[in-house]
């Protein structure tokens, strides 16, 4: 049974993850049943959300992934930098977050080699 909205929300503040993946060797646990259902698609390779653009074969596990993908076709960039004078816009919130580091000087990812002082704005 699916938990109530409040019960599911409260799990975001705790480590409670009552929904366990039953795939052998997988240790994934979720706070919400719908998150487990999405996760299980990684094992089955089910991709129920298909792009409707002509000649595009993209299919996604999540509706939100398809929505972000469709911005590649439309050119939509709904995430705008709020730094005065900056006109940067992004198709994905994560790209805007990374861009904002160019204004803040934040370099949160550090090399873990001893005595290396290299830092970066992205982990990859």
N, C-alpha and C. Protein backbone atom coordinates (compact mmCIF):
# COMPACT_ATOMS: atom_id res chain seq x y z
N UNK A 1 0.84 -1.20 0.00
CA UNK A 1 0.00 0.00 0.00
C UNK A 1 0.87 1.24 0.00
N UNK A 2 0.45 2.25 -0.75
CA UNK A 2 1.19 3.52 -0.84
C UNK A 2 0.95 4.33 0.43
N UNK A 3 1.99 4.93 0.95
CA UNK A 3 1.89 5.74 2.16
C UNK A 3 1.18 7.05 1.86
N UNK A 4 0.61 7.65 2.90
CA UNK A 4 -0.01 8.95 2.72
C UNK A 4 1.06 9.97 2.36
N UNK A 5 0.65 11.09 1.80
CA UNK A 5 1.60 12.13 1.40
C UNK A 5 2.43 12.60 2.58
N UNK A 6 1.80 12.82 3.73
CA UNK A 6 2.54 13.31 4.89
C UNK A 6 3.53 12.26 5.38
N UNK A 7 3.11 11.01 5.43
CA UNK A 7 4.01 9.95 5.87
C UNK A 7 5.21 9.85 4.94
N UNK A 8 4.93 9.88 3.63
CA UNK A 8 6.02 9.82 2.65
C UNK A 8 6.93 11.02 2.80
N UNK A 9 6.37 12.20 3.00
CA UNK A 9 7.18 13.40 3.17
C UNK A 9 8.08 13.29 4.40
N UNK A 10 7.55 12.82 5.49
CA UNK A 10 8.32 12.72 6.73
C UNK A 10 9.56 11.83 6.55
N UNK A 11 9.49 10.89 5.63
CA UNK A 11 10.64 10.02 5.38
C UNK A 11 11.81 10.79 4.77
N UNK A 12 11.55 11.95 4.16
CA UNK A 12 12.65 12.74 3.61
C UNK A 12 13.53 13.30 4.72
N UNK A 13 13.00 13.33 5.94
CA UNK A 13 13.74 13.85 7.09
C UNK A 13 14.39 12.73 7.91
N UNK A 14 14.18 11.50 7.49
CA UNK A 14 14.72 10.37 8.23
C UNK A 14 15.44 9.43 7.26
N UNK A 15 15.95 8.34 7.80
CA UNK A 15 16.60 7.35 6.95
C UNK A 15 15.67 6.18 6.65
N UNK A 16 14.38 6.31 7.00
CA UNK A 16 13.43 5.23 6.77
C UNK A 16 13.22 5.00 5.26
N UNK A 17 13.47 3.78 4.81
CA UNK A 17 13.31 3.40 3.41
C UNK A 17 12.63 2.03 3.38
N UNK A 18 11.30 2.00 3.53
CA UNK A 18 10.61 0.72 3.67
C UNK A 18 10.41 -0.07 2.38
N UNK A 19 10.65 0.54 1.22
CA UNK A 19 10.42 -0.14 -0.05
C UNK A 19 11.75 -0.66 -0.59
N UNK A 20 11.90 -1.98 -0.60
CA UNK A 20 13.16 -2.62 -1.01
C UNK A 20 13.04 -3.24 -2.39
N UNK A 21 14.09 -3.09 -3.18
CA UNK A 21 14.15 -3.73 -4.49
C UNK A 21 14.32 -5.23 -4.29
N UNK A 22 13.56 -6.01 -5.07
CA UNK A 22 13.64 -7.46 -4.93
C UNK A 22 14.56 -8.11 -5.97
N UNK A 23 15.27 -7.30 -6.73
CA UNK A 23 16.23 -7.82 -7.71
C UNK A 23 17.43 -8.41 -6.94
N UNK A 24 17.82 -9.63 -7.29
CA UNK A 24 18.91 -10.29 -6.59
C UNK A 24 20.19 -9.44 -6.66
N UNK A 25 20.80 -9.21 -5.51
CA UNK A 25 22.05 -8.46 -5.44
C UNK A 25 21.87 -6.95 -5.38
N UNK A 26 20.65 -6.46 -5.50
CA UNK A 26 20.42 -5.02 -5.47
C UNK A 26 20.02 -4.60 -4.05
N UNK A 27 20.67 -3.59 -3.56
CA UNK A 27 20.41 -3.13 -2.19
C UNK A 27 19.61 -1.84 -2.14
N UNK A 28 19.04 -1.43 -3.27
CA UNK A 28 18.28 -0.17 -3.32
C UNK A 28 17.05 -0.25 -2.42
N UNK A 29 16.84 0.82 -1.67
CA UNK A 29 15.65 0.98 -0.83
C UNK A 29 15.12 2.38 -1.07
N UNK A 30 13.81 2.53 -1.04
CA UNK A 30 13.19 3.82 -1.32
C UNK A 30 12.26 4.24 -0.19
N UNK A 31 12.10 5.54 -0.07
CA UNK A 31 11.17 6.10 0.91
C UNK A 31 9.73 6.07 0.39
N UNK A 32 9.59 6.02 -0.93
CA UNK A 32 8.27 6.04 -1.54
C UNK A 32 8.15 4.91 -2.56
N UNK A 33 6.98 4.33 -2.64
CA UNK A 33 6.75 3.22 -3.55
C UNK A 33 6.95 3.58 -5.01
N UNK A 34 6.56 4.80 -5.40
CA UNK A 34 6.74 5.19 -6.80
C UNK A 34 8.22 5.33 -7.16
N UNK A 35 9.05 5.68 -6.21
CA UNK A 35 10.49 5.75 -6.47
C UNK A 35 11.05 4.34 -6.71
N UNK A 36 10.54 3.37 -5.96
CA UNK A 36 10.97 1.99 -6.18
C UNK A 36 10.53 1.52 -7.56
N UNK A 37 9.31 1.84 -7.96
CA UNK A 37 8.82 1.44 -9.28
C UNK A 37 9.71 2.02 -10.38
N UNK A 38 10.10 3.29 -10.25
CA UNK A 38 11.01 3.89 -11.23
C UNK A 38 12.36 3.18 -11.22
N UNK A 39 12.87 2.91 -10.03
CA UNK A 39 14.16 2.23 -9.91
C UNK A 39 14.13 0.87 -10.60
N UNK A 40 13.06 0.11 -10.43
CA UNK A 40 12.98 -1.23 -11.01
C UNK A 40 13.11 -1.21 -12.52
N UNK A 41 12.77 -0.09 -13.14
CA UNK A 41 12.93 0.03 -14.59
C UNK A 41 14.39 -0.01 -15.00
N UNK A 42 15.30 0.30 -14.09
CA UNK A 42 16.72 0.21 -14.44
C UNK A 42 17.14 -1.25 -14.63
N UNK A 43 16.44 -2.16 -13.97
CA UNK A 43 16.73 -3.59 -14.13
C UNK A 43 16.04 -4.16 -15.37
N UNK A 44 14.84 -3.73 -15.64
CA UNK A 44 14.06 -4.28 -16.75
C UNK A 44 14.31 -3.55 -18.07
N UNK A 45 14.94 -2.37 -17.96
CA UNK A 45 15.17 -1.49 -19.11
C UNK A 45 13.85 -0.99 -19.72
N UNK A 46 12.78 -1.03 -18.94
CA UNK A 46 11.49 -0.48 -19.40
C UNK A 46 11.62 1.04 -19.47
N UNK A 47 11.24 1.59 -20.59
CA UNK A 47 11.29 3.03 -20.80
C UNK A 47 9.95 3.46 -21.41
N UNK A 48 8.97 3.69 -20.54
CA UNK A 48 7.61 3.93 -21.03
C UNK A 48 7.34 5.32 -21.61
N UNK A 49 8.26 6.25 -21.42
CA UNK A 49 8.05 7.62 -21.87
C UNK A 49 8.85 7.88 -23.15
N UNK A 50 8.14 8.03 -24.27
CA UNK A 50 8.78 8.15 -25.58
C UNK A 50 8.66 9.56 -26.12
N UNK A 51 9.74 10.03 -26.74
CA UNK A 51 9.74 11.34 -27.40
C UNK A 51 8.87 11.23 -28.65
N UNK A 52 8.06 12.26 -28.88
CA UNK A 52 7.16 12.25 -30.04
C UNK A 52 7.68 13.08 -31.21
N UNK A 53 8.94 13.52 -31.12
CA UNK A 53 9.53 14.26 -32.25
C UNK A 53 9.83 13.28 -33.39
N UNK A 54 9.61 13.70 -34.64
CA UNK A 54 9.91 12.81 -35.78
C UNK A 54 11.39 12.39 -35.77
N UNK A 55 11.61 11.14 -36.04
CA UNK A 55 12.95 10.55 -36.14
C UNK A 55 13.74 10.53 -34.82
N UNK A 56 13.09 10.79 -33.71
CA UNK A 56 13.77 10.72 -32.41
C UNK A 56 13.33 9.44 -31.71
N UNK A 57 14.30 8.64 -31.31
CA UNK A 57 14.02 7.36 -30.69
C UNK A 57 14.22 7.38 -29.17
N UNK A 58 14.37 8.58 -28.60
CA UNK A 58 14.61 8.68 -27.15
C UNK A 58 13.42 8.14 -26.37
N UNK A 59 13.73 7.34 -25.36
CA UNK A 59 12.73 6.82 -24.42
C UNK A 59 13.32 6.97 -23.02
N UNK A 60 12.44 7.24 -22.05
CA UNK A 60 12.91 7.52 -20.70
C UNK A 60 12.22 6.65 -19.65
N UNK A 61 12.91 6.49 -18.54
CA UNK A 61 12.37 5.78 -17.38
C UNK A 61 11.36 6.67 -16.66
N UNK A 62 11.65 7.96 -16.60
CA UNK A 62 10.81 8.92 -15.87
C UNK A 62 10.24 9.98 -16.81
N UNK A 63 9.04 10.43 -16.51
CA UNK A 63 8.42 11.51 -17.29
C UNK A 63 9.26 12.78 -17.22
N UNK A 64 9.87 13.04 -16.07
CA UNK A 64 10.69 14.25 -15.92
C UNK A 64 11.91 14.21 -16.83
N UNK A 65 12.48 13.03 -17.06
CA UNK A 65 13.62 12.91 -17.98
C UNK A 65 13.19 13.23 -19.40
N UNK A 66 12.00 12.76 -19.79
CA UNK A 66 11.49 13.06 -21.12
C UNK A 66 11.24 14.56 -21.28
N UNK A 67 10.69 15.17 -20.25
CA UNK A 67 10.43 16.62 -20.30
C UNK A 67 11.73 17.39 -20.53
N UNK A 68 12.78 17.03 -19.81
CA UNK A 68 14.08 17.68 -19.98
C UNK A 68 14.63 17.41 -21.38
N UNK A 69 14.49 16.18 -21.87
CA UNK A 69 14.97 15.83 -23.20
C UNK A 69 14.29 16.68 -24.28
N UNK A 70 12.99 16.88 -24.15
CA UNK A 70 12.24 17.61 -25.18
C UNK A 70 12.71 19.06 -25.32
N UNK A 71 13.36 19.57 -24.30
CA UNK A 71 13.92 20.93 -24.39
C UNK A 71 15.05 20.98 -25.41
N UNK A 72 15.69 19.86 -25.70
CA UNK A 72 16.74 19.83 -26.73
C UNK A 72 16.14 20.11 -28.10
N UNK A 73 14.91 19.65 -28.31
CA UNK A 73 14.23 19.89 -29.58
C UNK A 73 13.66 21.32 -29.65
N UNK A 74 13.09 21.78 -28.55
CA UNK A 74 12.40 23.07 -28.55
C UNK A 74 13.34 24.25 -28.34
N UNK A 75 14.50 23.99 -27.73
CA UNK A 75 15.42 25.09 -27.40
C UNK A 75 15.01 25.84 -26.15
N UNK A 76 13.97 25.37 -25.46
CA UNK A 76 13.50 26.04 -24.25
C UNK A 76 14.60 26.01 -23.18
N UNK A 77 14.80 27.15 -22.54
CA UNK A 77 15.77 27.28 -21.45
C UNK A 77 15.10 28.04 -20.30
N UNK A 78 14.32 27.32 -19.49
CA UNK A 78 13.52 27.98 -18.47
C UNK A 78 14.26 28.44 -17.21
N UNK A 79 15.51 28.01 -17.05
CA UNK A 79 16.26 28.34 -15.83
C UNK A 79 17.22 29.50 -16.11
N UNK A 80 16.92 30.66 -15.53
CA UNK A 80 17.69 31.88 -15.81
C UNK A 80 18.59 32.25 -14.64
N UNK A 81 19.79 32.71 -14.95
CA UNK A 81 20.71 33.20 -13.93
C UNK A 81 20.17 34.52 -13.39
N UNK A 82 20.21 34.68 -12.08
CA UNK A 82 19.70 35.90 -11.46
C UNK A 82 20.79 36.91 -11.12
N UNK A 83 22.00 36.65 -11.58
CA UNK A 83 23.11 37.58 -11.37
C UNK A 83 22.87 38.82 -12.26
N UNK A 84 22.94 40.01 -11.68
CA UNK A 84 22.71 41.23 -12.49
C UNK A 84 23.64 41.27 -13.71
N UNK A 85 23.05 41.50 -14.87
CA UNK A 85 23.81 41.62 -16.10
C UNK A 85 24.11 40.30 -16.80
N UNK A 86 23.81 39.19 -16.17
CA UNK A 86 24.09 37.89 -16.78
C UNK A 86 22.84 37.40 -17.51
N UNK A 87 23.02 37.00 -18.74
CA UNK A 87 21.89 36.54 -19.55
C UNK A 87 21.87 35.03 -19.73
N UNK A 88 22.67 34.31 -18.96
CA UNK A 88 22.72 32.85 -19.09
C UNK A 88 21.37 32.22 -18.77
N UNK A 89 20.97 31.28 -19.60
CA UNK A 89 19.77 30.49 -19.38
C UNK A 89 20.13 29.03 -19.64
N UNK A 90 19.47 28.13 -18.90
CA UNK A 90 19.77 26.70 -19.04
C UNK A 90 18.49 25.89 -19.24
N UNK A 91 18.66 24.75 -19.88
CA UNK A 91 17.55 23.83 -20.08
C UNK A 91 17.32 22.96 -18.85
N UNK A 92 18.35 22.82 -18.01
CA UNK A 92 18.26 22.00 -16.81
C UNK A 92 18.74 22.77 -15.60
N UNK A 93 18.07 22.60 -14.47
CA UNK A 93 18.41 23.30 -13.24
C UNK A 93 19.85 23.01 -12.80
N UNK A 94 20.31 21.77 -13.01
CA UNK A 94 21.67 21.42 -12.60
C UNK A 94 22.72 22.22 -13.37
N UNK A 95 22.45 22.51 -14.65
CA UNK A 95 23.39 23.33 -15.42
C UNK A 95 23.43 24.76 -14.92
N UNK A 96 22.27 25.29 -14.51
CA UNK A 96 22.26 26.63 -13.93
C UNK A 96 23.03 26.66 -12.62
N UNK A 97 22.86 25.65 -11.80
CA UNK A 97 23.59 25.58 -10.52
C UNK A 97 25.09 25.60 -10.76
N UNK A 98 25.54 24.82 -11.75
CA UNK A 98 26.96 24.80 -12.08
C UNK A 98 27.41 26.17 -12.60
N UNK A 99 26.62 26.79 -13.46
CA UNK A 99 26.95 28.11 -14.00
C UNK A 99 27.09 29.14 -12.90
N UNK A 100 26.21 29.11 -11.92
CA UNK A 100 26.24 30.12 -10.84
C UNK A 100 27.56 30.11 -10.09
N UNK A 101 28.26 29.00 -10.12
CA UNK A 101 29.56 28.92 -9.47
C UNK A 101 30.59 29.82 -10.14
N UNK A 102 30.36 30.18 -11.41
CA UNK A 102 31.29 31.10 -12.08
C UNK A 102 31.19 32.49 -11.45
N UNK A 103 30.05 32.82 -10.88
CA UNK A 103 29.86 34.11 -10.21
C UNK A 103 30.31 34.05 -8.75
N UNK A 104 30.05 32.93 -8.08
CA UNK A 104 30.32 32.83 -6.64
C UNK A 104 31.76 32.45 -6.33
N UNK A 105 32.44 31.84 -7.31
CA UNK A 105 33.80 31.37 -7.05
C UNK A 105 33.82 30.05 -6.30
N UNK A 106 32.67 29.40 -6.16
CA UNK A 106 32.60 28.13 -5.44
C UNK A 106 33.22 27.01 -6.28
N UNK A 107 34.13 26.28 -5.67
CA UNK A 107 34.79 25.13 -6.29
C UNK A 107 34.66 23.95 -5.32
N UNK A 108 33.49 23.30 -5.25
CA UNK A 108 33.23 22.35 -4.17
C UNK A 108 33.87 20.97 -4.31
N UNK A 109 34.42 20.65 -5.48
CA UNK A 109 34.97 19.30 -5.67
C UNK A 109 36.48 19.35 -5.65
N UNK A 110 37.07 18.60 -4.70
CA UNK A 110 38.52 18.63 -4.52
C UNK A 110 39.13 17.28 -4.85
N UNK A 111 40.34 17.33 -5.39
CA UNK A 111 41.11 16.12 -5.65
C UNK A 111 41.48 15.51 -4.30
N UNK A 112 41.38 14.17 -4.20
CA UNK A 112 41.67 13.52 -2.92
C UNK A 112 43.11 12.99 -2.82
N UNK A 113 43.96 13.34 -3.80
CA UNK A 113 45.36 12.94 -3.72
C UNK A 113 46.06 13.80 -2.66
N UNK A 114 46.91 13.17 -1.84
CA UNK A 114 47.62 13.93 -0.80
C UNK A 114 48.40 15.10 -1.40
N UNK A 115 48.32 16.23 -0.77
CA UNK A 115 49.04 17.46 -1.12
C UNK A 115 48.61 18.08 -2.45
N UNK A 116 47.54 17.57 -3.09
CA UNK A 116 47.04 18.18 -4.32
C UNK A 116 45.97 19.20 -3.94
N UNK A 117 46.07 20.38 -4.48
CA UNK A 117 45.12 21.44 -4.15
C UNK A 117 44.12 21.71 -5.27
N UNK A 118 44.05 20.83 -6.28
CA UNK A 118 43.13 21.03 -7.39
C UNK A 118 41.69 20.97 -6.93
N UNK A 119 40.88 21.91 -7.41
CA UNK A 119 39.45 21.94 -7.12
C UNK A 119 38.71 22.21 -8.43
N UNK A 120 37.43 21.78 -8.48
CA UNK A 120 36.62 21.95 -9.68
C UNK A 120 35.18 22.32 -9.35
N UNK A 121 34.48 22.83 -10.35
CA UNK A 121 33.07 23.17 -10.15
C UNK A 121 32.14 21.98 -10.38
N UNK A 122 32.65 20.92 -11.02
CA UNK A 122 31.86 19.71 -11.25
C UNK A 122 32.68 18.49 -10.82
N UNK A 123 31.98 17.43 -10.49
CA UNK A 123 32.66 16.20 -10.05
C UNK A 123 33.17 15.36 -11.22
N UNK A 124 32.60 15.54 -12.40
CA UNK A 124 32.99 14.69 -13.53
C UNK A 124 34.17 15.26 -14.30
